[in-house]
Amino acid sequence: MAITLPIPAEANEYLTRSPLALLIGMTLDQQIPLEKAFSSPWVLGQRLGHEPTALEIAEFDPEALVEIFATPPALHRFPKAMAARVQEVCRVLVDRYDGAASGLWADAGSGQELLRRVQALPGFGKQKAQILVALLGKQYGVQPDGWREAAGGYGEVGSHRSVADIVDGDSLTRVREYKKQMKAAAKAPKA
């Protein structure tokens, strides 16, 4: 099983086979629609003319990377900040995991260790880290002991809270409904 979003089939396929693409998609998944975030790694590869490695992105000229991110249609609403964030994440992969995104989770001994590793990435707070742990466990078979607990509510069986739960159009609708409910609850006056 792997992620299935309403994005081009080639973008879904890239997310399925490339741990780096998946990690870049998660990095970009903020303040833009998830379809945009998770199709952008594929678009980045198209703009480069090949599928990049973490080392390539880590060593890329920062200004040139911003240009690639900002070229219309931009890869993110905030192309300068997110080009820098993606580059920072890739630098961590190079420094700690020999440039392999899968190294982030390949030998994690527990769900808590995996969560700590993900939270150590630039831009990955607890919630975003828990969503990635849930996504890896639910759709990519990365299931070290305690991964569901480490993922919090995002790891629950049958939940529809995040990208980790999207496998078809119905599940996408249910995740969007959940997010609307959470936003409405956050805006509701406190009693």
N, C-alpha and C. Protein backbone atom coordinates (compact mmCIF):
# COMPACT_ATOMS: atom_id res chain seq x y z
N MET A 1 0.84 -1.18 0.00
CA MET A 1 0.00 0.00 0.00
C MET A 1 0.89 1.24 0.00
N ALA A 2 0.35 2.31 -0.50
CA ALA A 2 1.08 3.57 -0.49
C ALA A 2 0.09 4.71 -0.66
N ILE A 3 0.60 5.89 -0.49
CA ILE A 3 -0.23 7.08 -0.55
C ILE A 3 -0.96 7.18 -1.89
N THR A 4 -2.24 7.55 -1.83
CA THR A 4 -3.03 7.76 -3.03
C THR A 4 -3.79 9.06 -2.84
N LEU A 5 -3.33 10.08 -3.53
CA LEU A 5 -3.94 11.40 -3.44
C LEU A 5 -4.50 11.80 -4.79
N PRO A 6 -5.40 12.78 -4.81
CA PRO A 6 -5.92 13.28 -6.09
C PRO A 6 -4.90 14.20 -6.76
N ILE A 7 -3.80 13.60 -7.17
CA ILE A 7 -2.71 14.30 -7.87
C ILE A 7 -2.35 13.44 -9.07
N PRO A 8 -1.53 13.93 -9.99
CA PRO A 8 -1.17 13.10 -11.14
C PRO A 8 -0.63 11.72 -10.71
N ALA A 9 -0.98 10.70 -11.47
CA ALA A 9 -0.56 9.34 -11.14
C ALA A 9 0.95 9.25 -11.00
N GLU A 10 1.68 9.99 -11.83
CA GLU A 10 3.14 9.97 -11.76
C GLU A 10 3.64 10.52 -10.42
N ALA A 11 2.94 11.51 -9.88
CA ALA A 11 3.32 12.09 -8.60
C ALA A 11 3.07 11.09 -7.47
N ASN A 12 1.95 10.40 -7.52
CA ASN A 12 1.67 9.35 -6.52
C ASN A 12 2.70 8.24 -6.60
N GLU A 13 3.03 7.85 -7.82
CA GLU A 13 4.01 6.77 -8.01
C GLU A 13 5.37 7.19 -7.45
N TYR A 14 5.75 8.43 -7.66
CA TYR A 14 7.01 8.95 -7.16
C TYR A 14 7.02 8.92 -5.63
N LEU A 15 5.93 9.34 -5.01
CA LEU A 15 5.82 9.29 -3.55
C LEU A 15 5.92 7.86 -3.03
N THR A 16 5.40 6.93 -3.80
CA THR A 16 5.39 5.52 -3.39
C THR A 16 6.81 4.94 -3.40
N ARG A 17 7.60 5.30 -4.39
CA ARG A 17 8.92 4.66 -4.53
C ARG A 17 10.07 5.49 -4.01
N SER A 18 9.87 6.77 -3.74
CA SER A 18 10.97 7.62 -3.31
C SER A 18 10.76 8.14 -1.89
N PRO A 19 11.50 7.61 -0.93
CA PRO A 19 11.40 8.14 0.43
C PRO A 19 11.70 9.64 0.49
N LEU A 20 12.63 10.11 -0.34
CA LEU A 20 12.95 11.54 -0.35
C LEU A 20 11.75 12.35 -0.82
N ALA A 21 11.07 11.90 -1.86
CA ALA A 21 9.88 12.61 -2.34
C ALA A 21 8.83 12.69 -1.24
N LEU A 22 8.62 11.58 -0.54
CA LEU A 22 7.65 11.55 0.55
C LEU A 22 8.03 12.56 1.63
N LEU A 23 9.30 12.59 1.99
CA LEU A 23 9.76 13.50 3.04
C LEU A 23 9.67 14.96 2.59
N ILE A 24 9.98 15.23 1.34
CA ILE A 24 9.83 16.60 0.82
C ILE A 24 8.35 16.99 0.84
N GLY A 25 7.47 16.10 0.43
CA GLY A 25 6.04 16.38 0.48
C GLY A 25 5.57 16.72 1.88
N MET A 26 6.03 15.94 2.86
CA MET A 26 5.66 16.22 4.25
C MET A 26 6.24 17.56 4.70
N THR A 27 7.44 17.86 4.29
CA THR A 27 8.07 19.13 4.65
C THR A 27 7.23 20.30 4.12
N LEU A 28 6.75 20.16 2.90
CA LEU A 28 5.97 21.23 2.26
C LEU A 28 4.52 21.30 2.73
N ASP A 29 4.06 20.28 3.43
CA ASP A 29 2.65 20.19 3.82
C ASP A 29 2.34 21.12 4.99
N GLN A 30 2.27 22.40 4.68
CA GLN A 30 1.82 23.40 5.64
C GLN A 30 1.40 24.66 4.88
N GLN A 31 0.27 25.17 5.24
CA GLN A 31 -0.28 26.40 4.69
C GLN A 31 -0.55 26.34 3.18
N ILE A 32 -0.66 25.15 2.64
CA ILE A 32 -1.10 24.94 1.26
C ILE A 32 -1.91 23.66 1.22
N PRO A 33 -2.73 23.46 0.18
CA PRO A 33 -3.47 22.20 0.08
C PRO A 33 -2.52 21.01 -0.01
N LEU A 34 -2.90 19.91 0.60
CA LEU A 34 -2.02 18.75 0.61
C LEU A 34 -1.73 18.24 -0.79
N GLU A 35 -2.67 18.43 -1.72
CA GLU A 35 -2.40 18.01 -3.11
C GLU A 35 -1.21 18.77 -3.67
N LYS A 36 -1.12 20.05 -3.36
CA LYS A 36 -0.01 20.87 -3.83
C LYS A 36 1.29 20.41 -3.16
N ALA A 37 1.25 20.22 -1.86
CA ALA A 37 2.44 19.82 -1.12
C ALA A 37 3.01 18.50 -1.63
N PHE A 38 2.13 17.53 -1.86
CA PHE A 38 2.61 16.19 -2.22
C PHE A 38 2.84 16.00 -3.72
N SER A 39 2.37 16.92 -4.54
CA SER A 39 2.72 16.84 -5.96
C SER A 39 3.98 17.65 -6.27
N SER A 40 4.36 18.55 -5.38
CA SER A 40 5.53 19.40 -5.61
C SER A 40 6.85 18.64 -5.73
N PRO A 41 7.08 17.54 -5.01
CA PRO A 41 8.34 16.81 -5.24
C PRO A 41 8.48 16.32 -6.69
N TRP A 42 7.38 15.87 -7.26
CA TRP A 42 7.38 15.41 -8.65
C TRP A 42 7.65 16.59 -9.60
N VAL A 43 7.01 17.73 -9.32
CA VAL A 43 7.23 18.93 -10.15
C VAL A 43 8.69 19.39 -10.01
N LEU A 44 9.24 19.32 -8.81
CA LEU A 44 10.64 19.68 -8.61
C LEU A 44 11.54 18.81 -9.49
N GLY A 45 11.29 17.52 -9.52
CA GLY A 45 12.06 16.62 -10.37
C GLY A 45 11.92 16.97 -11.85
N GLN A 46 10.72 17.33 -12.26
CA GLN A 46 10.52 17.74 -13.65
C GLN A 46 11.33 18.99 -13.97
N ARG A 47 11.33 19.94 -13.06
CA ARG A 47 12.06 21.19 -13.30
C ARG A 47 13.58 20.97 -13.33
N LEU A 48 14.05 20.00 -12.55
CA LEU A 48 15.48 19.69 -12.55
C LEU A 48 15.87 18.80 -13.73
N GLY A 49 14.89 18.10 -14.28
CA GLY A 49 15.17 17.19 -15.39
C GLY A 49 15.54 15.79 -14.93
N HIS A 50 15.48 15.56 -13.62
CA HIS A 50 15.79 14.25 -13.05
C HIS A 50 15.32 14.23 -11.59
N GLU A 51 15.28 13.05 -11.02
CA GLU A 51 14.91 12.93 -9.61
C GLU A 51 16.12 13.29 -8.76
N PRO A 52 16.00 14.31 -7.93
CA PRO A 52 17.16 14.75 -7.15
C PRO A 52 17.47 13.80 -6.00
N THR A 53 18.70 13.88 -5.54
CA THR A 53 19.10 13.19 -4.32
C THR A 53 19.15 14.21 -3.19
N ALA A 54 19.17 13.71 -1.98
CA ALA A 54 19.29 14.62 -0.83
C ALA A 54 20.61 15.39 -0.90
N LEU A 55 21.68 14.72 -1.31
CA LEU A 55 22.98 15.38 -1.42
C LEU A 55 22.92 16.53 -2.44
N GLU A 56 22.28 16.28 -3.57
CA GLU A 56 22.16 17.32 -4.59
C GLU A 56 21.42 18.54 -4.05
N ILE A 57 20.30 18.30 -3.38
CA ILE A 57 19.53 19.43 -2.84
C ILE A 57 20.30 20.12 -1.72
N ALA A 58 20.97 19.34 -0.88
CA ALA A 58 21.74 19.91 0.22
C ALA A 58 22.84 20.84 -0.29
N GLU A 59 23.44 20.47 -1.42
CA GLU A 59 24.55 21.26 -1.96
C GLU A 59 24.12 22.28 -3.02
N PHE A 60 22.84 22.34 -3.33
CA PHE A 60 22.34 23.23 -4.37
C PHE A 60 22.57 24.68 -3.98
N ASP A 61 22.85 25.52 -4.97
CA ASP A 61 22.96 26.95 -4.71
C ASP A 61 21.61 27.43 -4.17
N PRO A 62 21.59 28.00 -2.95
CA PRO A 62 20.31 28.39 -2.34
C PRO A 62 19.48 29.33 -3.20
N GLU A 63 20.10 30.30 -3.83
CA GLU A 63 19.34 31.25 -4.65
C GLU A 63 18.75 30.55 -5.87
N ALA A 64 19.49 29.64 -6.47
CA ALA A 64 18.99 28.90 -7.62
C ALA A 64 17.83 27.99 -7.21
N LEU A 65 17.91 27.42 -6.01
CA LEU A 65 16.83 26.56 -5.54
C LEU A 65 15.57 27.39 -5.30
N VAL A 66 15.73 28.58 -4.76
CA VAL A 66 14.57 29.47 -4.56
C VAL A 66 13.94 29.78 -5.92
N GLU A 67 14.75 30.04 -6.93
CA GLU A 67 14.21 30.31 -8.27
C GLU A 67 13.38 29.14 -8.78
N ILE A 68 13.88 27.94 -8.57
CA ILE A 68 13.14 26.75 -9.01
C ILE A 68 11.83 26.64 -8.25
N PHE A 69 11.85 26.89 -6.96
CA PHE A 69 10.63 26.82 -6.15
C PHE A 69 9.65 27.92 -6.52
N ALA A 70 10.16 29.09 -6.91
CA ALA A 70 9.31 30.24 -7.18
C ALA A 70 8.77 30.30 -8.60
N THR A 71 9.36 29.54 -9.52
CA THR A 71 8.90 29.55 -10.91
C THR A 71 7.41 29.21 -10.96
N PRO A 72 6.60 30.04 -11.62
CA PRO A 72 5.16 29.76 -11.68
C PRO A 72 4.84 28.44 -12.40
N PRO A 73 3.91 27.69 -11.89
CA PRO A 73 3.31 27.86 -10.57
C PRO A 73 4.30 27.45 -9.48
N ALA A 74 4.43 28.30 -8.47
CA ALA A 74 5.37 28.07 -7.38
C ALA A 74 5.09 26.73 -6.69
N LEU A 75 6.15 26.12 -6.19
CA LEU A 75 6.00 24.83 -5.51
C LEU A 75 5.35 24.98 -4.14
N HIS A 76 5.34 26.19 -3.62
CA HIS A 76 4.74 26.45 -2.31
C HIS A 76 4.35 27.92 -2.25
N ARG A 77 3.42 28.21 -1.39
CA ARG A 77 2.96 29.59 -1.18
C ARG A 77 4.11 30.49 -0.73
N PHE A 78 5.07 29.91 -0.01
CA PHE A 78 6.24 30.65 0.48
C PHE A 78 7.50 29.98 -0.10
N PRO A 79 7.78 30.22 -1.38
CA PRO A 79 8.85 29.47 -2.04
C PRO A 79 10.23 29.69 -1.43
N LYS A 80 10.54 30.90 -1.01
CA LYS A 80 11.88 31.14 -0.45
C LYS A 80 12.08 30.38 0.85
N ALA A 81 11.12 30.52 1.75
CA ALA A 81 11.23 29.85 3.05
C ALA A 81 11.22 28.33 2.90
N MET A 82 10.37 27.83 2.01
CA MET A 82 10.26 26.37 1.91
C MET A 82 11.39 25.76 1.10
N ALA A 83 11.96 26.49 0.17
CA ALA A 83 13.17 25.98 -0.51
C ALA A 83 14.28 25.82 0.53
N ALA A 84 14.41 26.82 1.40
CA ALA A 84 15.42 26.75 2.45
C ALA A 84 15.12 25.59 3.41
N ARG A 85 13.86 25.38 3.75
CA ARG A 85 13.49 24.31 4.68
C ARG A 85 13.80 22.95 4.06
N VAL A 86 13.44 22.75 2.81
CA VAL A 86 13.73 21.49 2.14
C VAL A 86 15.24 21.26 2.10
N GLN A 87 15.99 22.31 1.82
CA GLN A 87 17.45 22.18 1.78
C GLN A 87 17.99 21.82 3.17
N GLU A 88 17.45 22.42 4.22
CA GLU A 88 17.88 22.11 5.59
C GLU A 88 17.58 20.64 5.92
N VAL A 89 16.40 20.16 5.55
CA VAL A 89 16.05 18.76 5.80
C VAL A 89 17.03 17.85 5.06
N CYS A 90 17.33 18.17 3.82
CA CYS A 90 18.27 17.35 3.04
C CYS A 90 19.67 17.37 3.65
N ARG A 91 20.06 18.47 4.21
CA ARG A 91 21.37 18.54 4.88
C ARG A 91 21.41 17.62 6.09
N VAL A 92 20.31 17.56 6.83
CA VAL A 92 20.24 16.63 7.97
C VAL A 92 20.35 15.20 7.46
N LEU A 93 19.66 14.89 6.37
CA LEU A 93 19.74 13.53 5.81
C LEU A 93 21.17 13.19 5.41
N VAL A 94 21.87 14.14 4.82
CA VAL A 94 23.26 13.90 4.42
C VAL A 94 24.14 13.72 5.65
N ASP A 95 23.97 14.59 6.64
CA ASP A 95 24.82 14.56 7.83
C ASP A 95 24.59 13.34 8.71
N ARG A 96 23.33 12.91 8.84
CA ARG A 96 23.01 11.85 9.81
C ARG A 96 22.66 10.50 9.18
N TYR A 97 22.22 10.50 7.92
CA TYR A 97 21.69 9.26 7.34
C TYR A 97 22.30 8.95 5.97
N ASP A 98 23.52 9.39 5.74
CA ASP A 98 24.24 9.14 4.48
C ASP A 98 23.42 9.56 3.26
N GLY A 99 22.58 10.57 3.43
CA GLY A 99 21.80 11.09 2.32
C GLY A 99 20.56 10.29 1.97
N ALA A 100 20.27 9.27 2.75
CA ALA A 100 19.11 8.41 2.46
C ALA A 100 17.93 8.78 3.36
N ALA A 101 16.86 9.25 2.76
CA ALA A 101 15.67 9.59 3.54
C ALA A 101 15.17 8.37 4.31
N SER A 102 15.26 7.20 3.71
CA SER A 102 14.81 5.98 4.38
C SER A 102 15.65 5.67 5.61
N GLY A 103 16.86 6.21 5.68
CA GLY A 103 17.69 6.02 6.86
C GLY A 103 17.08 6.63 8.10
N LEU A 104 16.22 7.60 7.90
CA LEU A 104 15.51 8.23 9.01
C LEU A 104 14.70 7.21 9.80
N TRP A 105 14.13 6.24 9.09
CA TRP A 105 13.27 5.27 9.76
C TRP A 105 13.75 3.82 9.67
N ALA A 106 14.71 3.53 8.81
CA ALA A 106 15.08 2.14 8.51
C ALA A 106 15.42 1.31 9.75
N ASP A 107 16.19 1.85 10.67
CA ASP A 107 16.61 1.04 11.82
C ASP A 107 16.10 1.60 13.15
N ALA A 108 15.03 2.39 13.09
CA ALA A 108 14.46 2.92 14.34
C ALA A 108 14.00 1.75 15.19
N GLY A 109 14.49 1.68 16.43
CA GLY A 109 14.20 0.55 17.31
C GLY A 109 12.83 0.59 17.96
N SER A 110 12.19 1.76 17.93
CA SER A 110 10.87 1.90 18.55
C SER A 110 10.15 3.07 17.91
N GLY A 111 8.86 3.12 18.16
CA GLY A 111 8.07 4.24 17.67
C GLY A 111 8.54 5.55 18.26
N GLN A 112 8.92 5.53 19.54
CA GLN A 112 9.40 6.76 20.18
C GLN A 112 10.72 7.22 19.57
N GLU A 113 11.60 6.27 19.25
CA GLU A 113 12.85 6.65 18.60
C GLU A 113 12.59 7.26 17.23
N LEU A 114 11.67 6.65 16.48
CA LEU A 114 11.30 7.19 15.18
C LEU A 114 10.73 8.60 15.32
N LEU A 115 9.86 8.79 16.27
CA LEU A 115 9.27 10.11 16.51
C LEU A 115 10.36 11.13 16.86
N ARG A 116 11.31 10.76 17.71
CA ARG A 116 12.40 11.67 18.06
C ARG A 116 13.22 12.05 16.84
N ARG A 117 13.51 11.05 15.99
CA ARG A 117 14.29 11.33 14.78
C ARG A 117 13.57 12.31 13.87
N VAL A 118 12.27 12.09 13.69
CA VAL A 118 11.50 12.96 12.80
C VAL A 118 11.40 14.36 13.40
N GLN A 119 11.19 14.44 14.72
CA GLN A 119 11.10 15.76 15.36
C GLN A 119 12.42 16.52 15.31
N ALA A 120 13.51 15.83 15.08
CA ALA A 120 14.81 16.49 14.97
C ALA A 120 15.00 17.16 13.61
N LEU A 121 14.09 16.90 12.67
CA LEU A 121 14.18 17.54 11.35
C LEU A 121 13.70 18.99 11.44
N PRO A 122 14.32 19.88 10.68
CA PRO A 122 13.86 21.27 10.66
C PRO A 122 12.39 21.36 10.22
N GLY A 123 11.59 22.08 11.01
CA GLY A 123 10.20 22.30 10.66
C GLY A 123 9.24 21.19 11.08
N PHE A 124 9.74 20.17 11.76
CA PHE A 124 8.88 19.07 12.19
C PHE A 124 8.64 19.16 13.69
N GLY A 125 7.53 19.80 14.05
CA GLY A 125 7.11 19.82 15.44
C GLY A 125 6.45 18.49 15.78
N LYS A 126 5.93 18.39 16.98
CA LYS A 126 5.36 17.13 17.44
C LYS A 126 4.22 16.65 16.54
N GLN A 127 3.27 17.51 16.22
CA GLN A 127 2.12 17.09 15.43
C GLN A 127 2.54 16.61 14.04
N LYS A 128 3.36 17.37 13.37
CA LYS A 128 3.80 16.99 12.03
C LYS A 128 4.61 15.69 12.09
N ALA A 129 5.43 15.55 13.12
CA ALA A 129 6.21 14.32 13.28
C ALA A 129 5.29 13.13 13.52
N GLN A 130 4.27 13.31 14.33
CA GLN A 130 3.32 12.22 14.58
C GLN A 130 2.59 11.83 13.30
N ILE A 131 2.25 12.81 12.48
CA ILE A 131 1.57 12.50 11.22
C ILE A 131 2.50 11.69 10.32
N LEU A 132 3.77 12.05 10.25
CA LEU A 132 4.69 11.27 9.41
C LEU A 132 4.86 9.86 9.96
N VAL A 133 4.97 9.71 11.27
CA VAL A 133 5.08 8.37 11.86
C VAL A 133 3.84 7.55 11.50
N ALA A 134 2.65 8.16 11.59
CA ALA A 134 1.42 7.46 11.22
C ALA A 134 1.40 7.11 9.74
N LEU A 135 1.81 8.03 8.89
CA LEU A 135 1.85 7.78 7.45
C LEU A 135 2.79 6.62 7.13
N LEU A 136 3.96 6.63 7.72
CA LEU A 136 4.92 5.55 7.49
C LEU A 136 4.36 4.21 7.97
N GLY A 137 3.72 4.22 9.13
CA GLY A 137 3.17 2.98 9.68
C GLY A 137 1.96 2.46 8.93
N LYS A 138 1.04 3.35 8.62
CA LYS A 138 -0.21 2.93 7.98
C LYS A 138 -0.06 2.61 6.50
N GLN A 139 0.80 3.34 5.79
CA GLN A 139 0.82 3.18 4.35
C GLN A 139 2.14 2.68 3.77
N TYR A 140 3.20 2.65 4.58
CA TYR A 140 4.50 2.24 4.05
C TYR A 140 5.11 1.06 4.81
N GLY A 141 4.38 0.51 5.78
CA GLY A 141 4.85 -0.68 6.48
C GLY A 141 6.00 -0.44 7.44
N VAL A 142 6.26 0.82 7.80
CA VAL A 142 7.31 1.12 8.77
C VAL A 142 6.65 1.10 10.14
N GLN A 143 6.83 -0.02 10.85
CA GLN A 143 6.07 -0.24 12.08
C GLN A 143 6.93 -0.74 13.24
N PRO A 144 7.88 0.07 13.69
CA PRO A 144 8.64 -0.35 14.87
C PRO A 144 7.70 -0.45 16.07
N ASP A 145 8.08 -1.22 17.07
CA ASP A 145 7.25 -1.38 18.27
C ASP A 145 6.84 -0.01 18.81
N GLY A 146 5.54 0.11 19.07
CA GLY A 146 5.02 1.34 19.67
C GLY A 146 4.80 2.49 18.69
N TRP A 147 4.80 2.20 17.39
CA TRP A 147 4.64 3.29 16.43
C TRP A 147 3.27 3.96 16.54
N ARG A 148 2.22 3.17 16.77
CA ARG A 148 0.88 3.78 16.88
C ARG A 148 0.81 4.73 18.08
N GLU A 149 1.36 4.31 19.20
CA GLU A 149 1.36 5.17 20.38
C GLU A 149 2.18 6.43 20.12
N ALA A 150 3.32 6.29 19.47
CA ALA A 150 4.16 7.45 19.16
C ALA A 150 3.43 8.43 18.23
N ALA A 151 2.61 7.89 17.35
CA ALA A 151 1.86 8.72 16.41
C ALA A 151 0.64 9.38 17.05
N GLY A 152 0.35 9.05 18.28
CA GLY A 152 -0.80 9.64 18.97
C GLY A 152 -2.10 9.29 18.25
N GLY A 153 -3.04 10.21 18.25
CA GLY A 153 -4.33 9.98 17.60
C GLY A 153 -4.22 9.69 16.12
N TYR A 154 -3.14 10.15 15.49
CA TYR A 154 -2.95 9.92 14.06
C TYR A 154 -2.67 8.45 13.76
N GLY A 155 -2.24 7.70 14.75
CA GLY A 155 -1.95 6.29 14.55
C GLY A 155 -3.14 5.37 14.79
N GLU A 156 -4.24 5.91 15.28
CA GLU A 156 -5.40 5.09 15.60
C GLU A 156 -5.96 4.40 14.36
N VAL A 157 -6.36 3.15 14.54
CA VAL A 157 -7.00 2.39 13.47
C VAL A 157 -8.34 3.04 13.17
N GLY A 158 -8.63 3.23 11.89
CA GLY A 158 -9.92 3.77 11.47
C GLY A 158 -10.05 5.28 11.61
N SER A 159 -8.99 5.96 12.00
CA SER A 159 -9.08 7.42 12.13
C SER A 159 -9.00 8.06 10.74
N HIS A 160 -9.50 9.26 10.66
CA HIS A 160 -9.43 10.04 9.41
C HIS A 160 -9.04 11.46 9.79
N ARG A 161 -7.77 11.60 10.19
CA ARG A 161 -7.29 12.86 10.74
C ARG A 161 -6.24 13.54 9.87
N SER A 162 -5.56 12.78 9.01
CA SER A 162 -4.42 13.36 8.31
C SER A 162 -4.16 12.63 7.00
N VAL A 163 -3.12 13.07 6.31
CA VAL A 163 -2.70 12.43 5.06
C VAL A 163 -2.41 10.95 5.28
N ALA A 164 -2.07 10.56 6.49
CA ALA A 164 -1.79 9.15 6.79
C ALA A 164 -3.00 8.26 6.52
N ASP A 165 -4.19 8.85 6.50
CA ASP A 165 -5.42 8.08 6.36
C ASP A 165 -6.04 8.15 4.97
N ILE A 166 -5.41 8.84 4.06
CA ILE A 166 -6.00 9.04 2.73
C ILE A 166 -5.57 7.92 1.79
N VAL A 167 -6.57 7.15 1.38
CA VAL A 167 -6.31 6.06 0.43
C VAL A 167 -7.23 6.14 -0.78
N ASP A 168 -8.23 7.02 -0.72
CA ASP A 168 -9.17 7.19 -1.83
C ASP A 168 -9.95 8.49 -1.62
N GLY A 169 -10.87 8.76 -2.53
CA GLY A 169 -11.64 10.00 -2.46
C GLY A 169 -12.49 10.11 -1.21
N ASP A 170 -13.09 9.00 -0.77
CA ASP A 170 -13.91 9.02 0.42
C ASP A 170 -13.08 9.36 1.66
N SER A 171 -11.92 8.74 1.78
CA SER A 171 -11.09 9.02 2.96
C SER A 171 -10.57 10.46 2.93
N LEU A 172 -10.29 10.99 1.75
CA LEU A 172 -9.88 12.39 1.63
C LEU A 172 -10.98 13.31 2.13
N THR A 173 -12.22 13.03 1.73
CA THR A 173 -13.37 13.82 2.19
C THR A 173 -13.50 13.76 3.70
N ARG A 174 -13.32 12.57 4.27
CA ARG A 174 -13.45 12.41 5.72
C ARG A 174 -12.34 13.15 6.47
N VAL A 175 -11.12 13.14 5.93
CA VAL A 175 -10.02 13.88 6.55
C VAL A 175 -10.32 15.37 6.49
N ARG A 176 -10.81 15.85 5.37
CA ARG A 176 -11.13 17.28 5.24
C ARG A 176 -12.24 17.68 6.22
N GLU A 177 -13.24 16.82 6.38
CA GLU A 177 -14.31 17.11 7.34
C GLU A 177 -13.77 17.19 8.75
N TYR A 178 -12.88 16.27 9.10
CA TYR A 178 -12.27 16.28 10.43
C TYR A 178 -11.51 17.59 10.65
N LYS A 179 -10.73 18.01 9.66
CA LYS A 179 -9.95 19.24 9.80
C LYS A 179 -10.86 20.46 9.95
N LYS A 180 -11.97 20.49 9.21
CA LYS A 180 -12.93 21.59 9.35
C LYS A 180 -13.50 21.63 10.76
N GLN A 181 -13.83 20.45 11.30
CA GLN A 181 -14.37 20.38 12.66
C GLN A 181 -13.36 20.89 13.68
N MET A 182 -12.10 20.54 13.49
CA MET A 182 -11.05 20.98 14.41
C MET A 182 -10.86 22.50 14.34
N LYS A 183 -10.90 23.06 13.13
CA LYS A 183 -10.77 24.50 12.99
C LYS A 183 -11.95 25.22 13.62
N ALA A 184 -13.15 24.69 13.42
CA ALA A 184 -14.34 25.30 14.00
C ALA A 184 -14.28 25.24 15.53
N ALA A 185 -13.85 24.12 16.05
CA ALA A 185 -13.74 23.98 17.51
C ALA A 185 -12.70 24.94 18.07
N ALA A 186 -11.63 25.15 17.36
CA ALA A 186 -10.58 26.07 17.82
C ALA A 186 -11.06 27.51 17.83
N LYS A 187 -11.97 27.84 16.90
CA LYS A 187 -12.48 29.20 16.80
C LYS A 187 -13.66 29.46 17.72
N ALA A 188 -14.29 28.39 18.20
CA ALA A 188 -15.48 28.54 19.04
C ALA A 188 -15.12 29.24 20.36
N PRO A 189 -16.02 30.11 20.83
CA PRO A 189 -15.74 30.78 22.10
C PRO A 189 -15.67 29.77 23.25
N LYS A 190 -14.75 30.02 24.16
CA LYS A 190 -14.60 29.14 25.33
C LYS A 190 -15.71 29.44 26.32
N ALA A 191 -16.29 28.38 26.85
CA ALA A 191 -17.41 28.54 27.79
C ALA A 191 -16.91 28.76 29.19
